[in-house]
Amino acid sequence: MAYACGGSVSQSSPRRSPPARRGLFWGRIVGFPRQDGFYWAKWRTAEQETRHGTALTPSDVWDVVYVFQNGDDERQRDFLRVLVVGVEGTQSIENFEWGPGPLTPPA
């Protein structure tokens, strides 16, 4: 069976599907924070009510942001939220491209 792949035809495997979501909490998917702490992240989209959100995003700069627990139920979509330095409101973890974390403080 042939599959289209980037304009050419490949005789190998089909395109891979994204990983299945488990429950509502996106932190269980690889690539999102799973616990609170400081992380490297690129801010891609802003929450609708964020002041100057369109001017600040998308960003290609890696910044350290703070991820915190916003509730008690890990299954809730907004269980973890993000604080960006200099921005009034909190952001969803889905609005970022995530790098390493949580970061450990220097000794």
C-alpha atoms as a PDB file:
ATOM      1  CA  MET A   1       0.000   0.000   0.000  1.00  0.00           C
ATOM      2  CA  ALA A   2       1.375   3.437  -0.931  1.00  0.00           C
ATOM      3  CA  TYR A   3       1.034   6.503   1.295  1.00  0.00           C
ATOM      4  CA  ALA A   4       1.530  10.152   0.348  1.00  0.00           C
ATOM      5  CA  CYS A   5       4.389  11.641   2.318  1.00  0.00           C
ATOM      6  CA  GLY A   6       5.591  15.187   1.628  1.00  0.00           C
ATOM      7  CA  GLY A   7       4.643  15.145  -2.036  1.00  0.00           C
ATOM      8  CA  SER A   8       6.290  11.813  -2.768  1.00  0.00           C
ATOM      9  CA  VAL A   9       4.935   8.303  -2.505  1.00  0.00           C
ATOM     10  CA  SER A  10       6.235   6.005   0.194  1.00  0.00           C
ATOM     11  CA  GLN A  11       5.772   2.259   0.251  1.00  0.00           C
ATOM     12  CA  SER A  12       6.517   2.048   3.993  1.00  0.00           C
ATOM     13  CA  SER A  13       4.294   2.834   6.974  1.00  0.00           C
ATOM     14  CA  PRO A  14       1.334   5.234   7.226  1.00  0.00           C
ATOM     15  CA  ARG A  15       1.493   8.554   9.082  1.00  0.00           C
ATOM     16  CA  ARG A  16       1.606   8.195  12.834  1.00  0.00           C
ATOM     17  CA  SER A  17      -1.366   9.381  14.864  1.00  0.00           C
ATOM     18  CA  PRO A  18      -0.926  11.649  17.872  1.00  0.00           C
ATOM     19  CA  PRO A  19      -0.882   9.907  21.260  1.00  0.00           C
ATOM     20  CA  ALA A  20      -4.285   9.178  22.765  1.00  0.00           C
ATOM     21  CA  ARG A  21      -5.482  11.556  25.468  1.00  0.00           C
ATOM     22  CA  ARG A  22      -6.037  10.092  28.913  1.00  0.00           C
ATOM     23  CA  GLY A  23      -8.803  11.884  30.770  1.00  0.00           C
ATOM     24  CA  LEU A  24      -9.066  15.655  30.783  1.00  0.00           C
ATOM     25  CA  PHE A  25      -5.682  16.477  32.267  1.00  0.00           C
ATOM     26  CA  TRP A  26      -3.328  17.154  29.377  1.00  0.00           C
ATOM     27  CA  GLY A  27      -0.277  16.989  31.662  1.00  0.00           C
ATOM     28  CA  ARG A  28      -0.282  13.216  31.248  1.00  0.00           C
ATOM     29  CA  ILE A  29       0.625  13.603  27.582  1.00  0.00           C
ATOM     30  CA  VAL A  30       4.342  13.696  26.844  1.00  0.00           C
ATOM     31  CA  GLY A  31       5.499  17.244  26.244  1.00  0.00           C
ATOM     32  CA  PHE A  32       3.401  19.006  28.915  1.00  0.00           C
ATOM     33  CA  PRO A  33       4.352  19.668  32.551  1.00  0.00           C
ATOM     34  CA  ARG A  34       3.111  17.074  35.020  1.00  0.00           C
ATOM     35  CA  GLN A  35       3.877  18.952  38.216  1.00  0.00           C
ATOM     36  CA  ASP A  36       4.388  22.472  39.472  1.00  0.00           C
ATOM     37  CA  GLY A  37       7.726  24.243  39.215  1.00  0.00           C
ATOM     38  CA  PHE A  38       9.790  26.410  36.890  1.00  0.00           C
ATOM     39  CA  TYR A  39      10.102  25.352  33.238  1.00  0.00           C
ATOM     40  CA  TRP A  40      11.634  26.595  30.015  1.00  0.00           C
ATOM     41  CA  ALA A  41       8.866  27.433  27.537  1.00  0.00           C
ATOM     42  CA  LYS A  42       8.032  29.343  24.359  1.00  0.00           C
ATOM     43  CA  TRP A  43       4.710  31.177  24.637  1.00  0.00           C
ATOM     44  CA  ARG A  44       2.725  30.414  21.471  1.00  0.00           C
ATOM     45  CA  THR A  45      -0.814  31.719  22.126  1.00  0.00           C
ATOM     46  CA  ALA A  46      -2.373  33.891  24.829  1.00  0.00           C
ATOM     47  CA  GLU A  47      -5.653  33.452  26.672  1.00  0.00           C
ATOM     48  CA  GLN A  48      -8.356  35.596  25.103  1.00  0.00           C
ATOM     49  CA  GLU A  49      -8.520  38.053  28.023  1.00  0.00           C
ATOM     50  CA  THR A  50      -4.729  38.595  28.218  1.00  0.00           C
ATOM     51  CA  ARG A  51      -3.789  42.261  27.899  1.00  0.00           C
ATOM     52  CA  HIS A  52      -1.420  42.765  24.929  1.00  0.00           C
ATOM     53  CA  GLY A  53      -1.645  39.031  24.186  1.00  0.00           C
ATOM     54  CA  THR A  54      -1.473  39.519  20.428  1.00  0.00           C
ATOM     55  CA  ALA A  55       1.679  41.638  20.783  1.00  0.00           C
ATOM     56  CA  LEU A  56       3.374  39.111  23.090  1.00  0.00           C
ATOM     57  CA  THR A  57       2.603  35.933  21.153  1.00  0.00           C
ATOM     58  CA  PRO A  58       3.741  33.900  19.371  1.00  0.00           C
ATOM     59  CA  SER A  59       7.219  34.076  20.861  1.00  0.00           C
ATOM     60  CA  ASP A  60      10.286  32.217  19.628  1.00  0.00           C
ATOM     61  CA  VAL A  61      12.239  33.106  22.776  1.00  0.00           C
ATOM     62  CA  TRP A  62      12.749  30.538  25.541  1.00  0.00           C
ATOM     63  CA  ASP A  63      11.654  32.005  28.888  1.00  0.00           C
ATOM     64  CA  VAL A  64      11.438  30.536  32.361  1.00  0.00           C
ATOM     65  CA  VAL A  65       7.789  30.370  33.463  1.00  0.00           C
ATOM     66  CA  TYR A  66       6.158  29.150  36.670  1.00  0.00           C
ATOM     67  CA  VAL A  67       3.673  26.266  36.529  1.00  0.00           C
ATOM     68  CA  PHE A  68       1.423  25.978  39.588  1.00  0.00           C
ATOM     69  CA  GLN A  69      -1.432  23.790  40.806  1.00  0.00           C
ATOM     70  CA  ASN A  70      -4.733  25.572  40.236  1.00  0.00           C
ATOM     71  CA  GLY A  71      -6.923  23.035  42.044  1.00  0.00           C
ATOM     72  CA  ASP A  72      -7.114  19.633  43.697  1.00  0.00           C
ATOM     73  CA  ASP A  73      -8.379  17.459  40.848  1.00  0.00           C
ATOM     74  CA  GLU A  74      -5.635  16.306  38.456  1.00  0.00           C
ATOM     75  CA  ARG A  75      -8.275  15.265  35.914  1.00  0.00           C
ATOM     76  CA  GLN A  76      -9.400  18.856  35.358  1.00  0.00           C
ATOM     77  CA  ARG A  77      -8.064  20.578  32.259  1.00  0.00           C
ATOM     78  CA  ASP A  78      -6.922  23.657  34.239  1.00  0.00           C
ATOM     79  CA  PHE A  79      -5.319  21.699  37.111  1.00  0.00           C
ATOM     80  CA  LEU A  80      -1.968  23.259  36.160  1.00  0.00           C
ATOM     81  CA  ARG A  81      -1.744  26.914  35.078  1.00  0.00           C
ATOM     82  CA  VAL A  82       1.197  29.077  34.018  1.00  0.00           C
ATOM     83  CA  LEU A  83       2.456  32.431  35.299  1.00  0.00           C
ATOM     84  CA  VAL A  84       4.501  34.488  32.833  1.00  0.00           C
ATOM     85  CA  VAL A  85       6.668  37.268  34.291  1.00  0.00           C
ATOM     86  CA  GLY A  86       5.108  40.682  33.616  1.00  0.00           C
ATOM     87  CA  VAL A  87       1.711  39.306  32.508  1.00  0.00           C
ATOM     88  CA  GLU A  88      -1.388  39.871  34.667  1.00  0.00           C
ATOM     89  CA  GLY A  89      -3.408  36.707  34.091  1.00  0.00           C
ATOM     90  CA  THR A  90      -2.533  33.046  34.151  1.00  0.00           C
ATOM     91  CA  GLN A  91      -2.236  30.940  31.005  1.00  0.00           C
ATOM     92  CA  SER A  92      -3.141  27.395  30.021  1.00  0.00           C
ATOM     93  CA  ILE A  93      -0.302  24.879  29.714  1.00  0.00           C
ATOM     94  CA  GLU A  94      -1.626  24.198  26.206  1.00  0.00           C
ATOM     95  CA  ASN A  95      -0.502  27.682  25.110  1.00  0.00           C
ATOM     96  CA  PHE A  96       3.216  26.847  25.252  1.00  0.00           C
ATOM     97  CA  GLU A  97       5.926  24.820  23.599  1.00  0.00           C
ATOM     98  CA  TRP A  98       7.655  23.126  26.517  1.00  0.00           C
ATOM     99  CA  GLY A  99      11.330  22.657  27.198  1.00  0.00           C
ATOM    100  CA  PRO A 100      13.104  21.112  30.202  1.00  0.00           C
ATOM    101  CA  GLY A 101      11.675  21.269  33.686  1.00  0.00           C
ATOM    102  CA  PRO A 102      10.955  21.418  36.441  1.00  0.00           C
ATOM    103  CA  LEU A 103      14.219  23.278  36.910  1.00  0.00           C
ATOM    104  CA  THR A 104      16.246  22.709  40.062  1.00  0.00           C
ATOM    105  CA  PRO A 105      17.695  25.684  41.940  1.00  0.00           C
ATOM    106  CA  PRO A 106      21.488  26.006  42.012  1.00  0.00           C
ATOM    107  CA  ALA A 107      23.237  24.514  45.037  1.00  0.00           C
END
